[in-house]
Amino acid sequence: MAVSLVTGAVAIGGFAAAMTPFSSGPAKIEPAALYPDDRRRPMTSEDYRRYPGAGVLFCRDEGGVPRKAAASWLIGSRRLVMMNAHNFRNPAAEVTRTIDECFFQIAGRNYDFSSDSLELGVGRDAKRLHITDDWALARLREPVDWNAAPQPAPKAPSLETGGGTVEVTMVSPAGHANFTGPSSIETCAIHEIDPPTEDGIRRARHDCNDGYGGSGSGLFDEAGHLIAMQSASLDMNRRLAFDIGSHYGSAILIEGRLLDAIMQNINAPP
């Protein structure tokens, strides 16, 4: 069963406000981790070498000023970028911005996207944006410089559906609003993987700390393979104990239609 991206208060991108069913406007946000145990630390140069492709999506506000939106990943080639669909669609799957309003930053340089290259996990006629639809791919107008390496082409994770603890590292090149510093990295764990949707993509429920701007963060296994991308978290900034049913983060496993789309882009003619 597909799970809607909005359930209580969630992180839905760098410009999102907290939303609750009882509030007529943005809730007041106090900076705090999701869980009592916050193991995040700033990324180092060695982290960037170990987890290549880590970049940041910037999008322009109504005044045309670039704002940091979310984490994003150069993946499989020097032109392909993976990120969340909610950077371009709201929870009702309505258009919020175009790819031309955004750019990709990696290794200190900015790159524009090709205008017609945005591919979304959510369908054109969809009425809701769900967790497992929350992916997007876009191609850059030009390849990144050789000093910025992409993530290797991914392979479907060999994780079983159901409960069980899997240690991961969440890499957040865009940082979090509730963490000091421009980036963060944390050792944490996946605790449950939901059954796949019709697109063959599963949601992973995890205990990695998250904050606004942390969307698109990568979850890596112990061998350093990118296996999932952060989508949303429940009850942002409340520092509650992890609970598999009411207080957890949701990440999209890189498999099914998402993996197929990545490989098609990688293998497409230049």
C-alpha atoms as a PDB file:
ATOM      1  CA  MET A   1       0.000   0.000   0.000  1.00  0.00           C
ATOM      2  CA  ALA A   2       1.366   3.422  -0.952  1.00  0.00           C
ATOM      3  CA  VAL A   3       2.022   5.784   1.929  1.00  0.00           C
ATOM      4  CA  SER A   4       1.303   9.484   1.505  1.00  0.00           C
ATOM      5  CA  LEU A   5       4.209  11.847   1.936  1.00  0.00           C
ATOM      6  CA  VAL A   6       2.238  13.913   4.449  1.00  0.00           C
ATOM      7  CA  THR A   7       1.471  12.238   7.769  1.00  0.00           C
ATOM      8  CA  GLY A   8       1.479  14.642  10.674  1.00  0.00           C
ATOM      9  CA  ALA A   9       4.544  16.890  10.481  1.00  0.00           C
ATOM     10  CA  VAL A  10       7.081  15.885   7.872  1.00  0.00           C
ATOM     11  CA  ALA A  11      10.145  17.221   6.148  1.00  0.00           C
ATOM     12  CA  ILE A  12       9.232  17.935   2.544  1.00  0.00           C
ATOM     13  CA  GLY A  13      12.203  19.929   1.335  1.00  0.00           C
ATOM     14  CA  GLY A  14      14.327  22.911   2.139  1.00  0.00           C
ATOM     15  CA  PHE A  15      11.481  25.443   1.949  1.00  0.00           C
ATOM     16  CA  ALA A  16       8.861  23.414   3.829  1.00  0.00           C
ATOM     17  CA  ALA A  17       7.212  24.417   7.081  1.00  0.00           C
ATOM     18  CA  ALA A  18       5.951  22.032   9.705  1.00  0.00           C
ATOM     19  CA  MET A  19       2.355  21.010   9.018  1.00  0.00           C
ATOM     20  CA  THR A  20      -0.152  19.592  11.457  1.00  0.00           C
ATOM     21  CA  PRO A  21      -3.863  18.830  10.938  1.00  0.00           C
ATOM     22  CA  PHE A  22      -4.779  21.387  13.644  1.00  0.00           C
ATOM     23  CA  SER A  23      -2.724  24.365  12.479  1.00  0.00           C
ATOM     24  CA  SER A  24      -3.863  27.111  10.150  1.00  0.00           C
ATOM     25  CA  GLY A  25      -0.275  28.102   9.404  1.00  0.00           C
ATOM     26  CA  PRO A  26       3.365  27.156   9.901  1.00  0.00           C
ATOM     27  CA  ALA A  27       4.162  25.766  13.320  1.00  0.00           C
ATOM     28  CA  LYS A  28       6.909  27.355  15.388  1.00  0.00           C
ATOM     29  CA  ILE A  29      10.043  25.267  14.964  1.00  0.00           C
ATOM     30  CA  GLU A  30      12.596  24.825  17.728  1.00  0.00           C
ATOM     31  CA  PRO A  31      15.886  23.313  16.534  1.00  0.00           C
ATOM     32  CA  ALA A  32      16.147  19.787  17.916  1.00  0.00           C
ATOM     33  CA  ALA A  33      17.132  16.345  16.713  1.00  0.00           C
ATOM     34  CA  LEU A  34      14.485  13.723  15.992  1.00  0.00           C
ATOM     35  CA  TYR A  35      15.788  11.332  18.649  1.00  0.00           C
ATOM     36  CA  PRO A  36      17.416  11.667  22.096  1.00  0.00           C
ATOM     37  CA  ASP A  37      20.646  10.198  20.702  1.00  0.00           C
ATOM     38  CA  ASP A  38      22.096  12.566  18.108  1.00  0.00           C
ATOM     39  CA  ARG A  39      25.299  11.149  16.599  1.00  0.00           C
ATOM     40  CA  ARG A  40      25.609  13.541  13.669  1.00  0.00           C
ATOM     41  CA  ARG A  41      28.908  15.262  12.941  1.00  0.00           C
ATOM     42  CA  PRO A  42      30.114  17.530  10.133  1.00  0.00           C
ATOM     43  CA  MET A  43      31.365  15.829   6.972  1.00  0.00           C
ATOM     44  CA  THR A  44      35.119  15.843   6.376  1.00  0.00           C
ATOM     45  CA  SER A  45      37.120  15.751   3.147  1.00  0.00           C
ATOM     46  CA  GLU A  46      37.622  12.026   3.733  1.00  0.00           C
ATOM     47  CA  ASP A  47      33.822  11.557   3.927  1.00  0.00           C
ATOM     48  CA  TYR A  48      33.429  13.267   0.560  1.00  0.00           C
ATOM     49  CA  ARG A  49      36.031  10.905  -0.893  1.00  0.00           C
ATOM     50  CA  ARG A  50      34.331   7.851   0.616  1.00  0.00           C
ATOM     51  CA  TYR A  51      30.860   8.934  -0.514  1.00  0.00           C
ATOM     52  CA  PRO A  52      31.376  10.529  -3.958  1.00  0.00           C
ATOM     53  CA  GLY A  53      28.607  12.308  -5.820  1.00  0.00           C
ATOM     54  CA  ALA A  54      27.383  14.177  -2.726  1.00  0.00           C
ATOM     55  CA  GLY A  55      25.922  17.498  -3.863  1.00  0.00           C
ATOM     56  CA  VAL A  56      23.350  20.132  -3.015  1.00  0.00           C
ATOM     57  CA  LEU A  57      20.249  21.266  -4.891  1.00  0.00           C
ATOM     58  CA  PHE A  58      19.697  25.033  -4.891  1.00  0.00           C
ATOM     59  CA  CYS A  59      16.442  26.617  -6.082  1.00  0.00           C
ATOM     60  CA  ARG A  60      15.507  30.269  -6.520  1.00  0.00           C
ATOM     61  CA  ASP A  61      12.810  31.818  -4.386  1.00  0.00           C
ATOM     62  CA  GLU A  62      10.118  34.195  -5.648  1.00  0.00           C
ATOM     63  CA  GLY A  63      12.655  37.013  -5.626  1.00  0.00           C
ATOM     64  CA  GLY A  64      15.118  35.017  -7.699  1.00  0.00           C
ATOM     65  CA  VAL A  65      17.507  34.451  -4.796  1.00  0.00           C
ATOM     66  CA  PRO A  66      19.132  30.969  -4.735  1.00  0.00           C
ATOM     67  CA  ARG A  67      18.292  29.014  -1.566  1.00  0.00           C
ATOM     68  CA  LYS A  68      19.691  25.688  -0.423  1.00  0.00           C
ATOM     69  CA  ALA A  69      16.884  23.179  -0.926  1.00  0.00           C
ATOM     70  CA  ALA A  70      18.070  19.631  -0.288  1.00  0.00           C
ATOM     71  CA  ALA A  71      20.732  16.988  -0.776  1.00  0.00           C
ATOM     72  CA  SER A  72      21.168  15.530  -4.258  1.00  0.00           C
ATOM     73  CA  TRP A  73      23.470  12.963  -5.860  1.00  0.00           C
ATOM     74  CA  LEU A  74      25.559  12.824  -9.002  1.00  0.00           C
ATOM     75  CA  ILE A  75      25.019   9.184  -9.863  1.00  0.00           C
ATOM     76  CA  GLY A  76      26.335   6.800 -12.493  1.00  0.00           C
ATOM     77  CA  SER A  77      27.657   9.530 -14.787  1.00  0.00           C
ATOM     78  CA  ARG A  78      28.949  13.092 -14.697  1.00  0.00           C
ATOM     79  CA  ARG A  79      25.613  14.478 -15.859  1.00  0.00           C
ATOM     80  CA  LEU A  80      22.882  12.556 -14.011  1.00  0.00           C
ATOM     81  CA  VAL A  81      21.501  13.859 -10.682  1.00  0.00           C
ATOM     82  CA  MET A  82      19.133  12.038  -8.291  1.00  0.00           C
ATOM     83  CA  MET A  83      16.974  13.935  -5.792  1.00  0.00           C
ATOM     84  CA  ASN A  84      13.444  14.014  -4.339  1.00  0.00           C
ATOM     85  CA  ALA A  85      10.326  14.697  -6.376  1.00  0.00           C
ATOM     86  CA  HIS A  86       8.964  16.893  -3.577  1.00  0.00           C
ATOM     87  CA  ASN A  87      11.430  19.568  -4.618  1.00  0.00           C
ATOM     88  CA  PHE A  88       9.126  20.086  -7.627  1.00  0.00           C
ATOM     89  CA  ARG A  89       5.713  18.807  -6.496  1.00  0.00           C
ATOM     90  CA  ASN A  90       3.680  19.395  -3.331  1.00  0.00           C
ATOM     91  CA  PRO A  91       1.901  16.624  -1.367  1.00  0.00           C
ATOM     92  CA  ALA A  92      -1.068  16.914  -3.743  1.00  0.00           C
ATOM     93  CA  ALA A  93       1.343  16.260  -6.651  1.00  0.00           C
ATOM     94  CA  GLU A  94       0.881  19.807  -7.953  1.00  0.00           C
ATOM     95  CA  VAL A  95       3.759  21.649  -9.637  1.00  0.00           C
ATOM     96  CA  THR A  96       5.651  23.966  -7.267  1.00  0.00           C
ATOM     97  CA  ARG A  97       8.697  24.816  -9.393  1.00  0.00           C
ATOM     98  CA  THR A  98      10.455  23.779 -12.582  1.00  0.00           C
ATOM     99  CA  ILE A  99      13.925  22.349 -13.017  1.00  0.00           C
ATOM    100  CA  ASP A 100      14.994  25.646 -14.626  1.00  0.00           C
ATOM    101  CA  GLU A 101      14.563  27.367 -11.250  1.00  0.00           C
ATOM    102  CA  CYS A 102      17.217  25.130  -9.692  1.00  0.00           C
ATOM    103  CA  PHE A 103      20.870  24.205 -10.072  1.00  0.00           C
ATOM    104  CA  PHE A 104      23.220  21.538  -8.735  1.00  0.00           C
ATOM    105  CA  GLN A 105      26.291  22.333  -6.674  1.00  0.00           C
ATOM    106  CA  ILE A 106      29.199  19.931  -6.193  1.00  0.00           C
ATOM    107  CA  ALA A 107      32.875  20.465  -5.335  1.00  0.00           C
ATOM    108  CA  GLY A 108      32.364  24.215  -5.123  1.00  0.00           C
ATOM    109  CA  ARG A 109      30.894  24.714  -8.595  1.00  0.00           C
ATOM    110  CA  ASN A 110      27.333  25.236  -9.832  1.00  0.00           C
ATOM    111  CA  TYR A 111      25.777  23.407 -12.786  1.00  0.00           C
ATOM    112  CA  ASP A 112      22.499  24.091 -14.587  1.00  0.00           C
ATOM    113  CA  PHE A 113      20.060  21.360 -15.567  1.00  0.00           C
ATOM    114  CA  SER A 114      18.801  20.598 -19.066  1.00  0.00           C
ATOM    115  CA  SER A 115      15.319  22.078 -19.231  1.00  0.00           C
ATOM    116  CA  ASP A 116      13.536  19.025 -20.626  1.00  0.00           C
ATOM    117  CA  SER A 117      15.336  16.361 -18.593  1.00  0.00           C
ATOM    118  CA  LEU A 118      13.309  16.144 -15.359  1.00  0.00           C
ATOM    119  CA  GLU A 119      11.901  12.657 -14.723  1.00  0.00           C
ATOM    120  CA  LEU A 120       9.643  12.116 -11.705  1.00  0.00           C
ATOM    121  CA  GLY A 121       8.540   9.064  -9.776  1.00  0.00           C
ATOM    122  CA  VAL A 122       5.052  10.530  -9.442  1.00  0.00           C
ATOM    123  CA  GLY A 123       2.787  10.275 -12.487  1.00  0.00           C
ATOM    124  CA  ARG A 124       1.369  13.279 -14.342  1.00  0.00           C
ATOM    125  CA  ASP A 125      -2.192  12.405 -13.345  1.00  0.00           C
ATOM    126  CA  ALA A 126      -1.393  11.551  -9.719  1.00  0.00           C
ATOM    127  CA  LYS A 127      -3.386  13.253  -6.962  1.00  0.00           C
ATOM    128  CA  ARG A 128      -0.961  12.505  -4.120  1.00  0.00           C
ATOM    129  CA  LEU A 129       2.780  12.295  -3.744  1.00  0.00           C
ATOM    130  CA  HIS A 130       3.709   9.121  -1.870  1.00  0.00           C
ATOM    131  CA  ILE A 131       6.956   8.154  -0.152  1.00  0.00           C
ATOM    132  CA  THR A 132       7.883   5.585  -2.802  1.00  0.00           C
ATOM    133  CA  ASP A 133       7.085   8.084  -5.622  1.00  0.00           C
ATOM    134  CA  ASP A 134       9.354  10.693  -4.086  1.00  0.00           C
ATOM    135  CA  TRP A 135      12.270  10.524  -6.511  1.00  0.00           C
ATOM    136  CA  ALA A 136      13.450  12.603  -9.425  1.00  0.00           C
ATOM    137  CA  LEU A 137      16.222  12.423 -11.979  1.00  0.00           C
ATOM    138  CA  ALA A 138      17.573  15.225 -14.162  1.00  0.00           C
ATOM    139  CA  ARG A 139      20.525  15.692 -16.480  1.00  0.00           C
ATOM    140  CA  LEU A 140      23.009  18.539 -16.321  1.00  0.00           C
ATOM    141  CA  ARG A 141      23.631  20.702 -19.373  1.00  0.00           C
ATOM    142  CA  GLU A 142      27.319  19.834 -19.206  1.00  0.00           C
ATOM    143  CA  PRO A 143      29.324  17.162 -17.382  1.00  0.00           C
ATOM    144  CA  VAL A 144      30.820  18.124 -14.037  1.00  0.00           C
ATOM    145  CA  ASP A 145      34.551  18.735 -13.783  1.00  0.00           C
ATOM    146  CA  TRP A 146      36.846  15.750 -13.330  1.00  0.00           C
ATOM    147  CA  ASN A 147      37.567  16.712  -9.728  1.00  0.00           C
ATOM    148  CA  ALA A 148      33.979  15.699  -8.820  1.00  0.00           C
ATOM    149  CA  ALA A 149      33.375  11.952  -9.077  1.00  0.00           C
ATOM    150  CA  PRO A 150      29.856  10.511  -9.303  1.00  0.00           C
ATOM    151  CA  GLN A 151      28.402   7.748  -7.183  1.00  0.00           C
ATOM    152  CA  PRO A 152      28.930   4.413  -8.968  1.00  0.00           C
ATOM    153  CA  ALA A 153      25.946   2.947 -10.812  1.00  0.00           C
ATOM    154  CA  PRO A 154      23.827   1.402  -8.034  1.00  0.00           C
ATOM    155  CA  LYS A 155      22.714  -2.190  -7.615  1.00  0.00           C
ATOM    156  CA  ALA A 156      19.431  -3.259  -6.053  1.00  0.00           C
ATOM    157  CA  PRO A 157      19.937  -3.745  -2.296  1.00  0.00           C
ATOM    158  CA  SER A 158      19.721  -7.346  -1.095  1.00  0.00           C
ATOM    159  CA  LEU A 159      17.586  -6.489   1.927  1.00  0.00           C
ATOM    160  CA  GLU A 160      14.599  -8.584   2.950  1.00  0.00           C
ATOM    161  CA  THR A 161      11.161  -7.080   3.463  1.00  0.00           C
ATOM    162  CA  GLY A 162      10.107  -6.955   7.113  1.00  0.00           C
ATOM    163  CA  GLY A 163      11.719  -6.182  10.450  1.00  0.00           C
ATOM    164  CA  GLY A 164      15.398  -6.427  11.286  1.00  0.00           C
ATOM    165  CA  THR A 165      18.189  -4.011  12.112  1.00  0.00           C
ATOM    166  CA  VAL A 166      20.572  -2.994   9.332  1.00  0.00           C
ATOM    167  CA  GLU A 167      23.339  -0.547  10.210  1.00  0.00           C
ATOM    168  CA  VAL A 168      23.684   2.342   7.768  1.00  0.00           C
ATOM    169  CA  THR A 169      25.361   5.717   7.467  1.00  0.00           C
ATOM    170  CA  MET A 170      23.228   8.694   6.509  1.00  0.00           C
ATOM    171  CA  VAL A 171      25.202  11.223   4.467  1.00  0.00           C
ATOM    172  CA  SER A 172      23.639  14.692   4.307  1.00  0.00           C
ATOM    173  CA  PRO A 173      25.647  17.045   2.068  1.00  0.00           C
ATOM    174  CA  ALA A 174      23.027  19.798   2.472  1.00  0.00           C
ATOM    175  CA  GLY A 175      22.993  19.491   6.272  1.00  0.00           C
ATOM    176  CA  HIS A 176      19.899  20.039   8.431  1.00  0.00           C
ATOM    177  CA  ALA A 177      18.219  23.114   9.883  1.00  0.00           C
ATOM    178  CA  ASN A 178      18.513  21.521  13.333  1.00  0.00           C
ATOM    179  CA  PHE A 179      22.254  20.826  13.058  1.00  0.00           C
ATOM    180  CA  THR A 180      25.139  23.277  13.135  1.00  0.00           C
ATOM    181  CA  GLY A 181      27.201  23.216   9.982  1.00  0.00           C
ATOM    182  CA  PRO A 182      26.616  22.951   6.216  1.00  0.00           C
ATOM    183  CA  SER A 183      26.671  19.123   6.108  1.00  0.00           C
ATOM    184  CA  SER A 184      26.416  16.099   8.393  1.00  0.00           C
ATOM    185  CA  ILE A 185      27.019  12.365   8.607  1.00  0.00           C
ATOM    186  CA  GLU A 186      25.647   9.862  11.124  1.00  0.00           C
ATOM    187  CA  THR A 187      25.764   6.148  11.854  1.00  0.00           C
ATOM    188  CA  CYS A 188      22.222   4.896  12.385  1.00  0.00           C
ATOM    189  CA  ALA A 189      20.005   1.936  11.415  1.00  0.00           C
ATOM    190  CA  ILE A 190      17.125   0.745   9.266  1.00  0.00           C
ATOM    191  CA  HIS A 191      14.615  -1.160  11.418  1.00  0.00           C
ATOM    192  CA  GLU A 192      11.910  -2.229   8.982  1.00  0.00           C
ATOM    193  CA  ILE A 193      11.328  -2.440   5.238  1.00  0.00           C
ATOM    194  CA  ASP A 194       7.774  -2.211   3.944  1.00  0.00           C
ATOM    195  CA  PRO A 195       6.421  -4.393   1.121  1.00  0.00           C
ATOM    196  CA  PRO A 196       7.058  -3.077  -2.416  1.00  0.00           C
ATOM    197  CA  THR A 197       4.637  -0.877  -4.338  1.00  0.00           C
ATOM    198  CA  GLU A 198       3.521  -1.573  -7.900  1.00  0.00           C
ATOM    199  CA  ASP A 199       6.745   0.143  -9.051  1.00  0.00           C
ATOM    200  CA  GLY A 200       8.816  -2.393  -7.110  1.00  0.00           C
ATOM    201  CA  ILE A 201      10.117   0.200  -4.630  1.00  0.00           C
ATOM    202  CA  ARG A 202      10.098  -0.284  -0.856  1.00  0.00           C
ATOM    203  CA  ARG A 203      10.155   2.169   2.021  1.00  0.00           C
ATOM    204  CA  ALA A 204      12.815   1.748   4.726  1.00  0.00           C
ATOM    205  CA  ARG A 205      11.921   2.965   8.240  1.00  0.00           C
ATOM    206  CA  HIS A 206      15.031   4.204  10.026  1.00  0.00           C
ATOM    207  CA  ASP A 207      16.280   6.047  13.110  1.00  0.00           C
ATOM    208  CA  CYS A 208      18.641   8.500  11.398  1.00  0.00           C
ATOM    209  CA  ASN A 209      18.302  12.062  12.698  1.00  0.00           C
ATOM    210  CA  ASP A 210      16.817  14.459  10.188  1.00  0.00           C
ATOM    211  CA  GLY A 211      15.942  18.134   9.915  1.00  0.00           C
ATOM    212  CA  TYR A 212      14.548  20.501   7.315  1.00  0.00           C
ATOM    213  CA  GLY A 213      16.906  20.464   4.338  1.00  0.00           C
ATOM    214  CA  GLY A 214      17.928  16.858   4.999  1.00  0.00           C
ATOM    215  CA  SER A 215      15.720  15.448   2.281  1.00  0.00           C
ATOM    216  CA  GLY A 216      17.654  13.563  -0.367  1.00  0.00           C
ATOM    217  CA  SER A 217      20.321  12.417   2.074  1.00  0.00           C
ATOM    218  CA  GLY A 218      21.893   9.095   1.125  1.00  0.00           C
ATOM    219  CA  LEU A 219      21.773   5.939   3.244  1.00  0.00           C
ATOM    220  CA  PHE A 220      24.846   3.756   2.741  1.00  0.00           C
ATOM    221  CA  ASP A 221      25.462   0.191   3.874  1.00  0.00           C
ATOM    222  CA  GLU A 222      28.569  -0.883   5.773  1.00  0.00           C
ATOM    223  CA  ALA A 223      30.415  -1.531   2.501  1.00  0.00           C
ATOM    224  CA  GLY A 224      29.818   2.058   1.371  1.00  0.00           C
ATOM    225  CA  HIS A 225      27.085   1.296  -1.209  1.00  0.00           C
ATOM    226  CA  LEU A 226      24.258   3.792  -1.672  1.00  0.00           C
ATOM    227  CA  ILE A 227      21.087   1.799  -0.939  1.00  0.00           C
ATOM    228  CA  ALA A 228      18.409   4.405  -0.158  1.00  0.00           C
ATOM    229  CA  MET A 229      17.487   8.097  -0.329  1.00  0.00           C
ATOM    230  CA  GLN A 230      15.806  10.008   2.497  1.00  0.00           C
ATOM    231  CA  SER A 231      12.275  11.221   1.820  1.00  0.00           C
ATOM    232  CA  ALA A 232      10.480  12.397   4.970  1.00  0.00           C
ATOM    233  CA  SER A 233      10.418  12.100   8.755  1.00  0.00           C
ATOM    234  CA  LEU A 234       7.572  12.167  11.262  1.00  0.00           C
ATOM    235  CA  ASP A 235       7.274  14.767  14.050  1.00  0.00           C
ATOM    236  CA  MET A 236      10.200  16.938  13.046  1.00  0.00           C
ATOM    237  CA  ASN A 237      12.187  18.636  15.832  1.00  0.00           C
ATOM    238  CA  ARG A 238      10.519  16.791  18.726  1.00  0.00           C
ATOM    239  CA  ARG A 239      13.398  14.651  20.086  1.00  0.00           C
ATOM    240  CA  LEU A 240      11.267  11.582  20.807  1.00  0.00           C
ATOM    241  CA  ALA A 241      12.369   7.966  21.115  1.00  0.00           C
ATOM    242  CA  PHE A 242      12.296   5.994  17.850  1.00  0.00           C
ATOM    243  CA  ASP A 243       9.007   4.170  17.331  1.00  0.00           C
ATOM    244  CA  ILE A 244       8.399   1.903  14.332  1.00  0.00           C
ATOM    245  CA  GLY A 245       4.777   3.035  14.027  1.00  0.00           C
ATOM    246  CA  SER A 246       4.759   6.690  15.048  1.00  0.00           C
ATOM    247  CA  HIS A 247       8.233   8.270  15.078  1.00  0.00           C
ATOM    248  CA  TYR A 248      10.661   7.272  12.343  1.00  0.00           C
ATOM    249  CA  GLY A 249      12.287   8.392   9.114  1.00  0.00           C
ATOM    250  CA  SER A 250      11.284   7.134   5.677  1.00  0.00           C
ATOM    251  CA  ALA A 251      13.794   6.446   2.922  1.00  0.00           C
ATOM    252  CA  ILE A 252      13.294   5.071  -0.582  1.00  0.00           C
ATOM    253  CA  LEU A 253      15.277   1.979  -1.477  1.00  0.00           C
ATOM    254  CA  ILE A 254      17.050   2.373  -4.827  1.00  0.00           C
ATOM    255  CA  GLU A 255      15.358  -0.441  -6.700  1.00  0.00           C
ATOM    256  CA  GLY A 256      12.443  -1.153  -9.030  1.00  0.00           C
ATOM    257  CA  ARG A 257      11.385   1.643 -11.344  1.00  0.00           C
ATOM    258  CA  LEU A 258      13.865   4.096  -9.802  1.00  0.00           C
ATOM    259  CA  LEU A 259      16.816   1.810 -10.452  1.00  0.00           C
ATOM    260  CA  ASP A 260      15.539   1.087 -13.971  1.00  0.00           C
ATOM    261  CA  ALA A 261      15.312   4.825 -14.695  1.00  0.00           C
ATOM    262  CA  ILE A 262      18.842   5.424 -13.411  1.00  0.00           C
ATOM    263  CA  MET A 263      20.286   2.666 -15.581  1.00  0.00           C
ATOM    264  CA  GLN A 264      18.360   3.822 -18.667  1.00  0.00           C
ATOM    265  CA  ASN A 265      19.813   7.299 -18.234  1.00  0.00           C
ATOM    266  CA  ILE A 266      23.323   5.970 -17.698  1.00  0.00           C
ATOM    267  CA  ASN A 267      23.117   3.776 -20.801  1.00  0.00           C
ATOM    268  CA  ALA A 268      21.457   6.370 -23.028  1.00  0.00           C
ATOM    269  CA  PRO A 269      23.481   7.862 -25.909  1.00  0.00           C
ATOM    270  CA  PRO A 270      25.201  11.184 -25.049  1.00  0.00           C
END
